[in-house]
Amino acid sequence: MKRYSLDQKRLPKLMPAHLRRLDAMPIDYSDIPPLGEEFFTKATVPWPPVKHQLTIRLDADVLAWLKSNGRGYQTRINRILRAAMESQPPRRTRSKSSAKGTRSRGKSRAA
């Protein structure tokens, strides 16, 4: 992904008359759809989410492919995983109280 940066020193200087004309022009909002309740419900989620550092093992060819596009391969991994996560239907989560003690490992203690 190519990144562009804006050099503040190379921007053209705007004359006061031009600035006044820009300020006087109305903004056309007609192509922006109205926002429903669903938007505002989702908009309350803080962004970007907190990131956690971890170690992950990848196949050598997968890692080579990710790195072949230059810097930012970890960001690419995150975007690929996020796209996969968001393409799945939401899963029902168990409450902590009902999930606790429902799975047993090995032999039962009450014998």
N, C-alpha and C. Protein backbone atom coordinates (compact mmCIF):
# COMPACT_ATOMS: atom_id res chain seq x y z
N MET A 1 0.85 -1.15 0.00
CA MET A 1 0.00 0.00 0.00
C MET A 1 0.90 1.23 0.00
N LYS A 2 0.71 2.10 -0.98
CA LYS A 2 1.52 3.30 -1.06
C LYS A 2 0.94 4.37 -0.17
N ARG A 3 1.81 5.05 0.54
CA ARG A 3 1.38 6.11 1.43
C ARG A 3 1.77 7.46 0.85
N TYR A 4 0.90 8.40 0.98
CA TYR A 4 1.15 9.76 0.52
C TYR A 4 1.18 10.68 1.73
N SER A 5 2.04 11.66 1.66
CA SER A 5 2.08 12.64 2.73
C SER A 5 1.94 14.03 2.11
N LEU A 6 1.38 14.93 2.87
CA LEU A 6 1.13 16.28 2.42
C LEU A 6 2.22 17.18 3.00
N ASP A 7 2.96 17.84 2.12
CA ASP A 7 4.01 18.75 2.56
C ASP A 7 3.39 20.13 2.75
N GLN A 8 3.27 20.56 3.99
CA GLN A 8 2.63 21.84 4.29
C GLN A 8 3.36 23.02 3.65
N LYS A 9 4.65 22.90 3.42
CA LYS A 9 5.43 24.01 2.87
C LYS A 9 5.18 24.20 1.38
N ARG A 10 4.70 23.16 0.69
CA ARG A 10 4.51 23.24 -0.75
C ARG A 10 3.06 23.55 -1.15
N LEU A 11 2.20 23.81 -0.18
CA LEU A 11 0.81 24.13 -0.48
C LEU A 11 0.72 25.53 -1.09
N PRO A 12 -0.19 25.73 -2.06
CA PRO A 12 -0.34 27.08 -2.62
C PRO A 12 -0.98 28.01 -1.59
N LYS A 13 -0.58 29.25 -1.62
CA LYS A 13 -1.15 30.24 -0.71
C LYS A 13 -2.50 30.70 -1.27
N LEU A 14 -3.51 30.71 -0.42
CA LEU A 14 -4.83 31.17 -0.84
C LEU A 14 -4.99 32.64 -0.47
N MET A 15 -5.49 33.39 -1.42
CA MET A 15 -5.73 34.81 -1.19
C MET A 15 -6.99 34.98 -0.34
N PRO A 16 -7.07 36.06 0.42
CA PRO A 16 -8.25 36.28 1.25
C PRO A 16 -9.56 36.27 0.46
N ALA A 17 -9.56 36.81 -0.75
CA ALA A 17 -10.78 36.82 -1.56
C ALA A 17 -11.20 35.39 -1.91
N HIS A 18 -10.23 34.55 -2.22
CA HIS A 18 -10.52 33.16 -2.54
C HIS A 18 -11.07 32.42 -1.32
N LEU A 19 -10.50 32.70 -0.16
CA LEU A 19 -10.98 32.08 1.08
C LEU A 19 -12.42 32.50 1.38
N ARG A 20 -12.74 33.77 1.15
CA ARG A 20 -14.11 34.24 1.39
C ARG A 20 -15.08 33.56 0.44
N ARG A 21 -14.68 33.36 -0.83
CA ARG A 21 -15.55 32.67 -1.79
C ARG A 21 -15.79 31.22 -1.36
N LEU A 22 -14.73 30.56 -0.88
CA LEU A 22 -14.90 29.18 -0.42
C LEU A 22 -15.83 29.11 0.78
N ASP A 23 -15.69 30.05 1.72
CA ASP A 23 -16.55 30.07 2.90
C ASP A 23 -18.00 30.35 2.53
N ALA A 24 -18.23 31.14 1.48
CA ALA A 24 -19.59 31.51 1.09
C ALA A 24 -20.31 30.40 0.33
N MET A 25 -19.55 29.44 -0.23
CA MET A 25 -20.17 28.37 -1.02
C MET A 25 -20.92 27.40 -0.10
N PRO A 26 -22.16 27.07 -0.46
CA PRO A 26 -22.89 26.10 0.37
C PRO A 26 -22.32 24.69 0.16
N ILE A 27 -22.44 23.89 1.19
CA ILE A 27 -21.97 22.50 1.10
C ILE A 27 -23.16 21.63 0.72
N ASP A 28 -22.99 20.80 -0.30
CA ASP A 28 -24.05 19.92 -0.78
C ASP A 28 -24.00 18.61 0.00
N TYR A 29 -24.99 18.37 0.85
CA TYR A 29 -25.06 17.15 1.64
C TYR A 29 -26.01 16.12 1.03
N SER A 30 -26.52 16.36 -0.17
CA SER A 30 -27.56 15.51 -0.75
C SER A 30 -27.09 14.09 -1.04
N ASP A 31 -25.80 13.88 -1.22
CA ASP A 31 -25.31 12.53 -1.54
C ASP A 31 -24.94 11.73 -0.29
N ILE A 32 -25.18 12.29 0.87
CA ILE A 32 -24.87 11.61 2.12
C ILE A 32 -26.17 11.02 2.68
N PRO A 33 -26.22 9.70 2.87
CA PRO A 33 -27.46 9.11 3.38
C PRO A 33 -27.70 9.50 4.83
N PRO A 34 -28.98 9.53 5.24
CA PRO A 34 -29.27 9.84 6.65
C PRO A 34 -28.74 8.73 7.56
N LEU A 35 -28.36 9.10 8.76
CA LEU A 35 -27.80 8.14 9.70
C LEU A 35 -28.91 7.63 10.62
N GLY A 36 -29.03 6.31 10.70
CA GLY A 36 -30.04 5.70 11.56
C GLY A 36 -29.48 5.37 12.93
N GLU A 37 -30.32 4.77 13.75
CA GLU A 37 -29.92 4.40 15.11
C GLU A 37 -28.78 3.38 15.11
N GLU A 38 -28.78 2.49 14.12
CA GLU A 38 -27.75 1.46 14.05
C GLU A 38 -26.35 2.10 13.93
N PHE A 39 -26.25 3.16 13.15
CA PHE A 39 -24.97 3.84 13.00
C PHE A 39 -24.47 4.35 14.35
N PHE A 40 -25.34 4.99 15.10
CA PHE A 40 -24.92 5.59 16.37
C PHE A 40 -24.62 4.52 17.42
N THR A 41 -25.28 3.38 17.31
CA THR A 41 -24.97 2.28 18.23
C THR A 41 -23.57 1.77 17.96
N LYS A 42 -23.23 1.60 16.69
CA LYS A 42 -21.90 1.13 16.34
C LYS A 42 -20.84 2.20 16.53
N ALA A 43 -21.23 3.46 16.41
CA ALA A 43 -20.27 4.56 16.50
C ALA A 43 -19.73 4.74 17.92
N THR A 44 -20.35 4.11 18.90
CA THR A 44 -19.88 4.27 20.27
C THR A 44 -18.68 3.39 20.58
N VAL A 45 -18.33 2.49 19.66
CA VAL A 45 -17.20 1.60 19.88
C VAL A 45 -15.91 2.40 19.71
N PRO A 46 -15.01 2.36 20.70
CA PRO A 46 -13.77 3.12 20.57
C PRO A 46 -12.90 2.57 19.45
N TRP A 47 -12.27 3.45 18.70
CA TRP A 47 -11.42 3.04 17.59
C TRP A 47 -10.14 3.80 17.67
N PRO A 48 -8.99 3.26 17.45
CA PRO A 48 -8.75 1.86 17.16
C PRO A 48 -8.84 1.01 18.42
N PRO A 49 -9.18 -0.26 18.25
CA PRO A 49 -9.23 -1.13 19.42
C PRO A 49 -7.84 -1.29 20.05
N VAL A 50 -7.83 -1.66 21.30
CA VAL A 50 -6.57 -1.90 22.00
C VAL A 50 -5.86 -3.06 21.32
N LYS A 51 -4.57 -2.91 21.11
CA LYS A 51 -3.79 -3.98 20.49
C LYS A 51 -2.99 -4.71 21.55
N HIS A 52 -2.83 -6.00 21.36
CA HIS A 52 -2.04 -6.82 22.27
C HIS A 52 -0.88 -7.42 21.50
N GLN A 53 0.27 -7.44 22.14
CA GLN A 53 1.44 -8.04 21.52
C GLN A 53 1.38 -9.54 21.75
N LEU A 54 1.70 -10.30 20.70
CA LEU A 54 1.71 -11.74 20.82
C LEU A 54 2.71 -12.34 19.85
N THR A 55 2.98 -13.61 20.02
CA THR A 55 3.85 -14.34 19.11
C THR A 55 2.96 -15.25 18.30
N ILE A 56 3.19 -15.27 16.99
CA ILE A 56 2.38 -16.09 16.10
C ILE A 56 3.33 -16.85 15.16
N ARG A 57 3.01 -18.08 14.89
CA ARG A 57 3.82 -18.87 13.97
C ARG A 57 3.10 -18.95 12.63
N LEU A 58 3.79 -18.53 11.58
CA LEU A 58 3.24 -18.55 10.23
C LEU A 58 4.11 -19.41 9.34
N ASP A 59 3.50 -19.98 8.31
CA ASP A 59 4.29 -20.71 7.32
C ASP A 59 5.25 -19.73 6.66
N ALA A 60 6.43 -20.21 6.31
CA ALA A 60 7.47 -19.35 5.75
C ALA A 60 7.00 -18.65 4.47
N ASP A 61 6.27 -19.38 3.62
CA ASP A 61 5.83 -18.76 2.37
C ASP A 61 4.76 -17.70 2.61
N VAL A 62 3.92 -17.88 3.62
CA VAL A 62 2.90 -16.88 3.96
C VAL A 62 3.58 -15.61 4.46
N LEU A 63 4.55 -15.77 5.35
CA LEU A 63 5.27 -14.61 5.87
C LEU A 63 6.05 -13.90 4.76
N ALA A 64 6.66 -14.66 3.86
CA ALA A 64 7.39 -14.06 2.74
C ALA A 64 6.44 -13.25 1.87
N TRP A 65 5.24 -13.78 1.63
CA TRP A 65 4.26 -13.06 0.81
C TRP A 65 3.83 -11.77 1.50
N LEU A 66 3.58 -11.84 2.81
CA LEU A 66 3.18 -10.64 3.54
C LEU A 66 4.27 -9.57 3.52
N LYS A 67 5.51 -10.00 3.68
CA LYS A 67 6.63 -9.05 3.71
C LYS A 67 7.02 -8.55 2.32
N SER A 68 6.63 -9.28 1.26
CA SER A 68 7.03 -8.91 -0.10
C SER A 68 6.42 -7.59 -0.54
N ASN A 69 5.36 -7.14 0.12
CA ASN A 69 4.73 -5.88 -0.23
C ASN A 69 5.31 -4.70 0.54
N GLY A 70 6.42 -4.91 1.21
CA GLY A 70 7.08 -3.82 1.90
C GLY A 70 6.68 -3.72 3.36
N ARG A 71 6.96 -2.56 3.94
CA ARG A 71 6.69 -2.34 5.36
C ARG A 71 5.21 -2.49 5.66
N GLY A 72 4.91 -2.81 6.91
CA GLY A 72 3.52 -2.87 7.35
C GLY A 72 2.91 -4.25 7.27
N TYR A 73 3.73 -5.29 7.28
CA TYR A 73 3.17 -6.64 7.14
C TYR A 73 2.32 -7.02 8.35
N GLN A 74 2.65 -6.52 9.53
CA GLN A 74 1.83 -6.83 10.71
C GLN A 74 0.46 -6.17 10.60
N THR A 75 0.43 -4.97 10.05
CA THR A 75 -0.85 -4.30 9.81
C THR A 75 -1.66 -5.07 8.79
N ARG A 76 -0.99 -5.60 7.76
CA ARG A 76 -1.70 -6.42 6.76
C ARG A 76 -2.28 -7.67 7.40
N ILE A 77 -1.51 -8.32 8.28
CA ILE A 77 -2.02 -9.50 8.98
C ILE A 77 -3.28 -9.12 9.76
N ASN A 78 -3.23 -8.01 10.48
CA ASN A 78 -4.37 -7.57 11.27
C ASN A 78 -5.58 -7.29 10.38
N ARG A 79 -5.37 -6.64 9.24
CA ARG A 79 -6.49 -6.33 8.34
C ARG A 79 -7.09 -7.60 7.74
N ILE A 80 -6.25 -8.56 7.38
CA ILE A 80 -6.74 -9.83 6.84
C ILE A 80 -7.57 -10.56 7.89
N LEU A 81 -7.06 -10.61 9.12
CA LEU A 81 -7.79 -11.29 10.19
C LEU A 81 -9.08 -10.55 10.53
N ARG A 82 -9.06 -9.22 10.53
CA ARG A 82 -10.27 -8.45 10.82
C ARG A 82 -11.32 -8.69 9.74
N ALA A 83 -10.91 -8.71 8.46
CA ALA A 83 -11.86 -8.98 7.38
C ALA A 83 -12.49 -10.35 7.54
N ALA A 84 -11.68 -11.34 7.91
CA ALA A 84 -12.21 -12.69 8.13
C ALA A 84 -13.17 -12.70 9.31
N MET A 85 -12.82 -12.01 10.38
CA MET A 85 -13.67 -11.96 11.57
C MET A 85 -15.00 -11.27 11.27
N GLU A 86 -14.95 -10.14 10.55
CA GLU A 86 -16.17 -9.39 10.28
C GLU A 86 -17.06 -10.06 9.25
N SER A 87 -16.52 -11.00 8.47
CA SER A 87 -17.34 -11.70 7.49
C SER A 87 -18.14 -12.83 8.12
N GLN A 88 -17.84 -13.17 9.36
CA GLN A 88 -18.54 -14.24 10.06
C GLN A 88 -19.76 -13.68 10.78
N PRO A 89 -20.82 -14.48 10.91
CA PRO A 89 -21.97 -14.02 11.71
C PRO A 89 -21.56 -13.92 13.18
N PRO A 90 -22.16 -13.01 13.92
CA PRO A 90 -21.79 -12.89 15.34
C PRO A 90 -22.14 -14.16 16.10
N ARG A 91 -21.24 -14.53 17.00
CA ARG A 91 -21.44 -15.73 17.82
C ARG A 91 -22.10 -15.34 19.12
N ARG A 92 -22.95 -16.23 19.60
CA ARG A 92 -23.53 -16.02 20.92
C ARG A 92 -22.46 -16.32 21.95
N THR A 93 -22.34 -15.46 22.92
CA THR A 93 -21.35 -15.68 23.97
C THR A 93 -22.04 -16.21 25.20
N ARG A 94 -21.35 -17.08 25.90
CA ARG A 94 -21.87 -17.62 27.15
C ARG A 94 -21.54 -16.65 28.27
N SER A 95 -22.43 -16.56 29.23
CA SER A 95 -22.10 -15.73 30.39
C SER A 95 -21.06 -16.48 31.22
N LYS A 96 -20.25 -15.75 31.94
CA LYS A 96 -19.17 -16.38 32.71
C LYS A 96 -19.70 -17.32 33.77
N SER A 97 -20.84 -16.98 34.38
CA SER A 97 -21.36 -17.82 35.45
C SER A 97 -21.88 -19.15 34.91
N SER A 98 -22.52 -19.15 33.72
CA SER A 98 -23.06 -20.40 33.18
C SER A 98 -21.98 -21.24 32.51
N ALA A 99 -20.93 -20.60 32.02
CA ALA A 99 -19.87 -21.34 31.33
C ALA A 99 -18.91 -21.98 32.32
N LYS A 100 -18.84 -21.43 33.53
CA LYS A 100 -17.88 -21.92 34.51
C LYS A 100 -18.30 -23.29 35.01
N GLY A 101 -17.41 -24.22 34.95
CA GLY A 101 -17.65 -25.54 35.49
C GLY A 101 -18.47 -26.45 34.59
N THR A 102 -18.79 -26.03 33.37
CA THR A 102 -19.59 -26.88 32.51
C THR A 102 -18.74 -27.86 31.73
N ARG A 103 -17.48 -27.59 31.59
CA ARG A 103 -16.60 -28.50 30.86
C ARG A 103 -15.73 -29.24 31.86
N SER A 104 -15.54 -30.50 31.61
CA SER A 104 -14.68 -31.28 32.51
C SER A 104 -13.49 -31.77 31.75
N ARG A 105 -12.39 -31.84 32.44
CA ARG A 105 -11.16 -32.36 31.84
C ARG A 105 -10.77 -33.63 32.59
N GLY A 106 -10.60 -34.66 31.85
CA GLY A 106 -10.12 -35.90 32.46
C GLY A 106 -11.17 -36.56 33.34
N LYS A 107 -10.72 -37.18 34.42
CA LYS A 107 -11.60 -37.94 35.30
C LYS A 107 -12.39 -37.00 36.22
N SER A 108 -13.55 -37.45 36.58
CA SER A 108 -14.40 -36.71 37.48
C SER A 108 -13.85 -36.83 38.89
N ARG A 109 -13.96 -35.79 39.71
CA ARG A 109 -13.45 -35.82 41.08
C ARG A 109 -14.37 -36.62 41.98
N ALA A 110 -15.65 -36.58 41.66
CA ALA A 110 -16.62 -37.31 42.49
C ALA A 110 -16.65 -38.76 42.02
N ALA A 111 -15.88 -39.62 42.68
CA ALA A 111 -15.86 -41.03 42.26
C ALA A 111 -16.15 -41.93 43.41
